[in-house]
Protein backbone atom coordinates (compact mmCIF):
# COMPACT_ATOMS: atom_id res chain seq x y z
CA MET A 1 -22.36 49.81 -10.73
CA GLU A 2 -23.04 47.83 -7.57
CA PRO A 3 -21.72 49.27 -4.29
CA PRO A 4 -18.84 47.31 -2.73
CA ARG A 5 -19.91 44.73 -0.21
CA LYS A 6 -18.75 44.89 3.36
CA PRO A 7 -16.06 42.37 4.25
CA VAL A 8 -17.22 39.33 6.21
CA ARG A 9 -15.98 39.37 9.78
CA PHE A 10 -15.46 36.03 11.41
CA SER A 11 -16.07 35.78 15.11
CA VAL A 12 -16.48 33.21 17.83
CA LEU A 13 -20.23 33.78 17.80
CA HIS A 14 -20.47 32.88 14.10
CA ASP A 15 -18.47 29.71 14.67
CA LEU A 16 -20.76 28.64 17.50
CA ILE A 17 -23.90 29.32 15.46
CA LEU A 18 -22.60 27.28 12.53
CA LYS A 19 -21.48 24.43 14.76
CA LEU A 20 -24.80 24.21 16.60
CA ALA A 21 -26.80 24.39 13.37
CA SER A 22 -24.73 21.79 11.52
CA GLU A 23 -24.55 19.26 14.36
CA ASN A 24 -28.24 19.65 15.32
CA GLU A 25 -30.28 19.72 12.13
CA GLY A 26 -33.61 19.93 13.97
CA TRP A 27 -32.79 23.10 15.94
CA GLY A 28 -34.47 26.31 14.84
CA TYR A 29 -33.44 29.93 15.36
CA ARG A 30 -34.95 30.21 18.85
CA ARG A 31 -33.35 26.98 20.05
CA ILE A 32 -29.92 28.12 18.88
CA VAL A 33 -30.39 31.48 20.62
CA GLY A 34 -31.28 29.69 23.85
CA GLU A 35 -28.21 27.43 23.65
CA LEU A 36 -25.98 30.42 22.99
CA GLY A 37 -27.43 32.15 26.08
CA LYS A 38 -26.35 29.19 28.20
CA LEU A 39 -22.81 29.71 26.91
CA GLY A 40 -22.83 33.42 27.72
CA HIS A 41 -23.46 34.82 24.22
CA ARG A 42 -26.40 37.13 23.64
CA CYS A 43 -27.88 37.52 20.16
CA SER A 44 -31.24 37.71 18.43
CA ASN A 45 -33.09 35.37 16.10
CA LEU A 46 -32.33 37.71 13.21
CA THR A 47 -28.59 37.37 13.82
CA VAL A 48 -28.80 33.59 13.67
CA ARG A 49 -30.86 33.80 10.50
CA LYS A 50 -28.34 36.12 8.80
CA VAL A 51 -25.38 33.93 9.72
CA LEU A 52 -27.05 30.75 8.44
CA ARG A 53 -28.08 32.46 5.21
CA ARG A 54 -24.58 33.82 4.65
CA TYR A 55 -23.09 30.33 4.82
CA GLY A 56 -25.85 28.63 2.82
CA LEU A 57 -27.55 26.70 5.65
CA LYS A 58 -31.31 26.23 5.38
CA PRO A 59 -33.82 26.59 8.23
CA ALA A 60 -34.47 23.68 10.58
CA PRO A 61 -37.24 21.80 8.72
CA ARG A 62 -35.46 21.90 5.38
CA ARG A 63 -31.97 21.50 6.82
CA SER A 64 -32.85 18.08 8.25
CA GLN A 65 -34.19 16.79 4.93
CA ARG A 66 -31.89 14.71 2.71
CA THR A 67 -32.01 14.48 -1.04
CA TRP A 68 -32.33 11.21 -2.95
CA ARG A 69 -28.69 11.38 -4.00
CA GLU A 70 -27.54 11.77 -0.40
CA PHE A 71 -29.68 8.81 0.67
CA VAL A 72 -28.27 6.53 -2.04
CA ARG A 73 -24.68 7.52 -1.29
CA GLN A 74 -25.12 7.03 2.45
CA HIS A 75 -26.72 3.56 2.16
CA ALA A 76 -25.02 2.40 -1.05
CA ASP A 77 -23.55 -0.74 0.54
CA GLN A 78 -27.03 -1.86 1.65
CA ILE A 79 -29.03 -1.08 -1.50
CA LEU A 80 -30.03 -3.59 -4.17
CA ALA A 81 -31.56 -2.29 -7.43
CA THR A 82 -33.54 -4.30 -9.98
CA ASP A 83 -35.03 -3.62 -13.39
CA PHE A 84 -35.99 -5.12 -16.78
CA PHE A 85 -34.61 -4.43 -20.23
CA THR A 86 -35.47 -5.87 -23.64
CA VAL A 87 -33.29 -7.50 -26.30
CA ASP A 88 -34.35 -8.06 -29.92
CA THR A 89 -33.28 -11.15 -31.85
CA VAL A 90 -32.66 -11.80 -35.55
CA TRP A 91 -36.06 -13.58 -35.72
CA LEU A 92 -37.83 -10.34 -34.75
CA THR A 93 -38.70 -11.65 -31.31
CA GLN A 94 -38.11 -9.84 -28.03
CA PHE A 95 -36.72 -11.09 -24.72
CA TYR A 96 -37.20 -9.55 -21.29
CA VAL A 97 -34.11 -9.72 -19.05
CA LEU A 98 -34.35 -9.33 -15.26
CA PHE A 99 -31.22 -8.41 -13.30
CA PHE A 100 -30.14 -7.10 -9.87
CA VAL A 101 -27.31 -4.66 -9.09
CA GLU A 102 -25.53 -4.09 -5.77
CA VAL A 103 -25.20 -0.30 -5.67
CA GLY A 104 -22.21 -0.22 -3.33
CA SER A 105 -19.95 -2.65 -5.21
CA ARG A 106 -21.62 -2.46 -8.68
CA ARG A 107 -21.86 -6.25 -8.71
CA VAL A 108 -24.48 -7.57 -11.16
CA HIS A 109 -26.66 -10.67 -10.75
CA LEU A 110 -28.49 -12.07 -13.78
CA ALA A 111 -31.90 -13.45 -12.80
CA GLY A 112 -33.02 -14.76 -16.19
CA SER A 113 -34.71 -13.99 -19.50
CA THR A 114 -38.09 -14.92 -20.98
CA TYR A 115 -40.52 -14.10 -23.77
CA ASN A 116 -43.43 -13.37 -21.42
CA PRO A 117 -42.45 -12.16 -17.92
CA THR A 118 -45.48 -13.10 -15.85
CA GLY A 119 -45.90 -12.44 -12.16
CA GLU A 120 -45.20 -16.09 -11.26
CA TRP A 121 -41.95 -16.08 -13.24
CA VAL A 122 -40.76 -12.89 -11.52
CA VAL A 123 -41.61 -14.33 -8.09
CA GLN A 124 -39.59 -17.47 -8.84
CA GLN A 125 -36.55 -15.35 -9.76
CA ALA A 126 -36.97 -13.48 -6.48
CA ARG A 127 -36.91 -16.79 -4.59
CA ASN A 128 -33.68 -17.78 -6.33
CA LEU A 129 -32.04 -14.54 -5.20
CA ALA A 130 -33.44 -14.87 -1.68
CA TRP A 131 -31.31 -17.99 -1.21
CA LYS A 132 -28.20 -15.82 -1.52
CA LEU A 133 -29.60 -13.52 1.15
CA GLN A 134 -30.12 -16.47 3.47
CA ASP A 135 -26.64 -17.85 2.87
CA GLY A 136 -25.00 -14.47 3.53
CA ALA A 137 -23.51 -14.23 0.06
CA LEU A 138 -25.59 -11.09 -0.55
CA ARG A 139 -26.42 -8.38 1.98
CA ALA A 140 -29.13 -5.79 1.42
CA LYS A 141 -31.57 -3.75 3.47
CA PHE A 142 -33.26 -1.82 0.67
CA LEU A 143 -34.53 -2.88 -2.74
CA LEU A 144 -35.10 -0.23 -5.41
CA ARG A 145 -37.69 -1.06 -8.07
CA ASP A 146 -40.01 0.83 -10.35
CA ARG A 147 -43.80 0.60 -10.37
CA ASP A 148 -44.02 -2.00 -13.13
CA SER A 149 -47.00 -4.35 -12.85
CA LYS A 150 -44.64 -7.33 -13.20
CA PHE A 151 -43.50 -6.73 -9.61
CA THR A 152 -46.47 -8.17 -7.75
CA PRO A 153 -47.13 -8.03 -3.99
CA ALA A 154 -45.84 -11.62 -3.75
CA PHE A 155 -42.52 -10.39 -5.11
CA ASP A 156 -42.31 -7.81 -2.33
CA GLU A 157 -43.26 -10.30 0.37
CA ILE A 158 -40.31 -12.55 -0.48
CA PHE A 159 -37.82 -9.76 0.20
CA LYS A 160 -39.71 -8.44 3.23
CA SER A 161 -39.42 -11.91 4.80
CA GLU A 162 -35.63 -11.54 4.53
CA GLY A 163 -35.65 -8.12 6.23
CA VAL A 164 -35.33 -6.07 3.02
CA GLN A 165 -37.38 -2.89 2.71
CA ILE A 166 -38.99 -2.21 -0.67
CA ILE A 167 -38.60 1.32 -2.07
CA ARG A 168 -40.82 2.05 -5.04
CA LEU A 169 -39.45 4.70 -7.36
CA PRO A 170 -41.52 7.57 -8.81
CA TYR A 171 -43.32 7.24 -12.12
CA ARG A 172 -41.29 7.88 -15.26
CA ARG A 173 -38.13 8.72 -13.34
CA PRO A 174 -35.38 6.40 -14.62
CA VAL A 175 -32.75 8.69 -13.09
CA ALA A 176 -33.89 7.49 -9.65
CA ASN A 177 -32.60 4.03 -10.61
CA ALA A 178 -29.48 5.40 -12.27
CA PHE A 179 -27.14 2.51 -11.39
CA ALA A 180 -29.35 -0.09 -13.05
CA GLU A 181 -29.88 2.13 -16.09
CA ARG A 182 -26.14 2.71 -16.35
CA TRP A 183 -25.43 -1.01 -16.46
CA VAL A 184 -28.05 -1.51 -19.19
CA GLY A 185 -26.31 1.16 -21.26
CA SER A 186 -22.93 -0.49 -20.73
CA ALA A 187 -24.26 -3.91 -21.74
CA ARG A 188 -25.80 -2.51 -24.91
CA ARG A 189 -22.75 -0.50 -25.98
CA GLU A 190 -20.17 -3.18 -25.24
CA VAL A 191 -21.97 -6.40 -26.20
CA LEU A 192 -25.57 -6.38 -27.40
CA ASP A 193 -25.19 -3.69 -30.07
CA ARG A 194 -22.24 -5.59 -31.56
CA MET A 195 -23.78 -9.06 -31.80
CA LEU A 196 -26.78 -10.81 -33.36
CA ILE A 197 -28.83 -12.76 -30.81
CA PHE A 198 -30.51 -15.92 -32.08
CA GLY A 199 -32.29 -17.31 -29.05
CA ARG A 200 -32.70 -17.42 -25.28
CA ARG A 201 -29.78 -19.76 -24.64
CA HIS A 202 -27.56 -17.65 -26.82
CA LEU A 203 -28.62 -14.49 -24.97
CA GLU A 204 -28.08 -15.95 -21.51
CA LYS A 205 -24.69 -17.35 -22.51
CA VAL A 206 -23.55 -13.96 -23.85
CA LEU A 207 -24.85 -12.06 -20.80
CA ALA A 208 -23.34 -14.56 -18.36
CA GLU A 209 -19.92 -14.21 -19.94
CA TYR A 210 -20.18 -10.42 -20.03
CA ILE A 211 -21.32 -10.21 -16.40
CA ASP A 212 -18.42 -12.43 -15.33
CA HIS A 213 -16.03 -10.02 -17.07
CA TYR A 214 -17.89 -7.02 -15.63
CA ASN A 215 -17.66 -8.32 -12.05
CA HIS A 216 -14.11 -9.69 -12.06
CA ALA A 217 -12.12 -7.74 -14.65
CA GLY A 218 -13.76 -4.39 -15.29
CA PRO A 219 -12.58 -1.36 -13.24
CA HIS A 220 -15.25 1.24 -12.50
CA GLN A 221 -14.86 4.97 -12.03
CA GLY A 222 -17.56 5.22 -9.37
CA ILE A 223 -15.64 2.95 -6.97
CA GLU A 224 -12.15 4.43 -7.54
CA GLN A 225 -11.20 2.19 -10.47
CA ARG A 226 -11.76 -1.00 -8.47
CA ARG A 227 -13.51 -4.16 -9.61
CA PRO A 228 -16.84 -5.28 -8.11
CA CYS A 229 -15.35 -8.62 -7.05
CA GLU A 230 -11.92 -7.43 -5.95
CA PRO A 231 -9.64 -10.33 -4.90
CA ALA A 232 -8.48 -10.25 -1.29
CA ASP A 233 -4.80 -10.79 -2.19
CA VAL A 234 -4.55 -7.64 -4.36
CA ILE A 235 -2.18 -5.02 -2.94
CA ARG A 236 -3.46 -1.50 -3.63
CA LEU A 237 -0.75 0.85 -4.88
CA PRO A 238 -0.71 4.45 -3.59
CA THR A 239 -2.55 6.99 -5.71
CA ARG A 240 -0.96 10.04 -7.29
CA ALA A 241 -2.12 12.22 -4.42
CA GLY A 242 -0.28 10.06 -1.87
CA ARG A 243 2.78 9.30 -3.97
CA ALA A 244 6.14 10.62 -2.84
CA PRO A 245 7.54 13.51 -4.93
CA ARG A 246 10.03 12.63 -7.62
CA SER A 247 13.61 13.42 -6.67
CA PRO A 248 15.54 15.65 -9.11
CA ARG A 249 18.45 14.37 -11.15
CA ARG A 250 21.50 14.25 -8.89
CA ASP A 251 23.97 14.33 -11.76
CA HIS A 252 22.87 17.76 -12.98
CA PRO A 253 24.83 20.55 -11.24
CA ASP A 254 22.05 23.14 -11.51
CA VAL A 255 19.37 20.96 -9.90
CA PRO A 256 19.65 21.11 -6.09
CA ALA A 257 19.26 17.98 -4.04
CA HIS A 258 16.81 17.70 -1.16
CA GLY A 259 17.81 20.18 1.53
CA GLN A 260 20.67 21.68 -0.50
CA SER A 261 20.80 24.98 -2.34
CA ALA A 262 21.81 25.38 -5.97
CA SER A 263 24.98 27.32 -5.09
CA ALA A 264 26.07 24.64 -2.63
CA ARG A 265 25.42 21.98 -5.25
CA ARG A 266 27.55 23.79 -7.82
CA GLY A 267 30.35 24.23 -5.34
CA ALA A 268 30.35 20.56 -4.41
CA SER A 269 30.34 19.29 -8.00
CA PRO A 270 33.66 18.57 -9.80
CA GLY A 271 34.79 21.64 -11.67
CA GLY A 272 32.12 23.71 -10.00
CA ALA A 273 34.71 26.22 -8.80
CA SER A 274 35.68 26.96 -12.39
CA ARG A 275 32.11 28.06 -13.10
CA ALA A 276 31.78 30.23 -10.00
CA ARG A 277 32.24 33.97 -10.36
CA SER A 278 35.33 35.55 -8.75
CA PRO A 279 35.67 39.13 -7.53
CA ALA A 280 36.32 41.55 -10.35
CA GLY A 281 39.99 42.46 -10.79
CA PRO A 282 42.33 43.82 -13.45
CA GLY A 283 43.32 41.20 -15.99
CA ALA A 284 41.05 38.61 -14.48
CA GLY A 285 38.48 38.81 -17.26
CA GLY A 286 35.67 38.13 -14.79
CA VAL A 287 36.52 34.38 -14.68
CA SER A 288 38.01 32.62 -11.69
CA SER A 289 41.08 30.46 -11.86
CA PRO A 290 40.82 26.68 -12.30
CA GLY A 291 39.55 24.67 -9.34
CA ALA A 292 41.82 23.25 -6.68
CA GLY A 293 43.77 20.27 -7.93
CA ALA A 294 43.24 21.10 -11.64
CA GLU A 295 46.23 21.42 -13.94
CA PRO A 296 46.93 24.75 -15.65
CA GLY A 297 46.44 23.30 -19.14
CA ALA A 298 43.30 21.29 -18.29
CA LYS A 299 40.31 21.71 -20.58
CA ARG A 300 37.41 23.61 -19.07
CA ALA A 301 33.91 22.16 -18.98
CA CYS A 302 32.26 25.34 -20.30
CA PRO A 303 32.43 25.58 -24.14
CA GLU A 304 32.45 29.38 -23.97
CA LEU A 305 35.91 29.32 -22.34
CA GLU A 306 37.63 27.35 -25.10
CA GLY A 307 40.89 29.07 -26.11
CA VAL A 308 41.14 31.16 -22.95
CA ASP A 309 44.52 30.87 -21.20
CA ASP A 310 45.14 31.03 -17.47
CA ALA A 311 45.82 34.77 -17.59
CA GLY A 312 42.39 35.50 -19.08
CA ASN A 313 43.75 36.76 -22.45
CA GLY A 314 41.19 34.95 -24.59
CA GLY A 315 39.92 38.23 -26.02
CA GLN A 316 43.35 39.64 -27.01
CA PRO A 317 44.23 39.83 -30.71
CA GLY A 318 47.32 37.60 -30.27
CA ALA A 319 45.42 34.56 -29.07
CA ALA A 320 44.04 32.46 -31.91
CA GLY A 321 41.60 30.64 -29.69
CA GLY A 322 40.40 33.89 -28.14
CA GLU A 323 39.81 35.47 -31.59
CA ALA A 324 37.80 32.43 -32.69
CA GLY A 325 35.77 32.54 -29.50
CA SER A 326 35.24 36.28 -29.90
CA ARG A 327 34.01 35.88 -33.48
CA ARG A 328 31.71 33.06 -32.38
CA ARG A 329 30.24 35.17 -29.63
CA GLY A 330 29.99 38.19 -31.87
CA ALA A 331 27.75 36.27 -34.31
CA ASP A 332 25.28 35.59 -31.49
CA GLY A 333 24.57 38.76 -29.61
CA GLY A 334 22.61 36.90 -26.93
CA ARG A 335 25.87 35.44 -25.51
CA ARG A 336 27.48 38.79 -24.75
CA ARG A 337 27.51 39.06 -20.99
CA ARG A 338 29.26 41.44 -18.69
CA GLY A 339 32.42 39.97 -17.20
CA TRP A 340 32.99 37.30 -19.87
CA PRO A 341 35.98 37.37 -22.26
CA GLY A 342 35.09 39.22 -25.41
CA GLY A 343 31.90 40.65 -23.84
CA ALA A 344 30.77 44.22 -23.45
CA GLY A 345 32.33 44.67 -20.04
């Protein structure tokens, strides 16, 4: 059996160490000790090391490094990804489709399709997309592509002339280009696996219609159920987390309103005084008299008090209604309560 661990004690020194380490990722143990000395706190390098280890912070060289996922999330609005995928036809031929994806908005741009994607064809598709960069319709600072031989140096030069940095992905790592691979999977599951493609025009027509639906009508989980081309006149409704709490039913006497207790609600409701308990007394039967303004022969709202007169003699043998109510309560032992007519007390 492991010995019990000592409880963690939080102090001002720990808070300062964590703040200095998190806000200055390049500072090591000695630098943090020196900054703490300027503030009047004396500690050793080992103390700083223990505190950072306890809270899961790495040393200075590794703490300043960012993972690939953090880089993509931080620059998602400025990243453009591209890739190829193949489509088989009914004539046993194969097409190569080139496309681009805006990582931030998930917007897809279809470049084209061909039987034989040569370097010149790929460069021409890059020029067509570069026009959108010049017009301002598309903004990107990074282009993610794999190390396929179809992407020639001329392809990279076209984007570099527009101020876009080329990032070549590792070998055999499709997860590094996950957004492009995800769109390929969506296109196959929703369209291509359900249709027979006869030719290049047929394929481009099908993909163009699907991409139009994907960009303008398809909500995406990665961008909070929004569409890639969200119209400017759409009014966003509040989410469940920011929605106001539902108010209880006001007509139910046992459900309190906002800022009102249940007992106050029962007392304010019509006939609520007839349901309230009265001080115990001889001959009272544990039930209070009818509410103010109610007639002596008025029918009570509670079904358990049917046949009970104003004197509380519902349980006496001479009252027919009291005998019926007593037999009805005797059949169900769960309704016997202290202070009620015909009950145990």
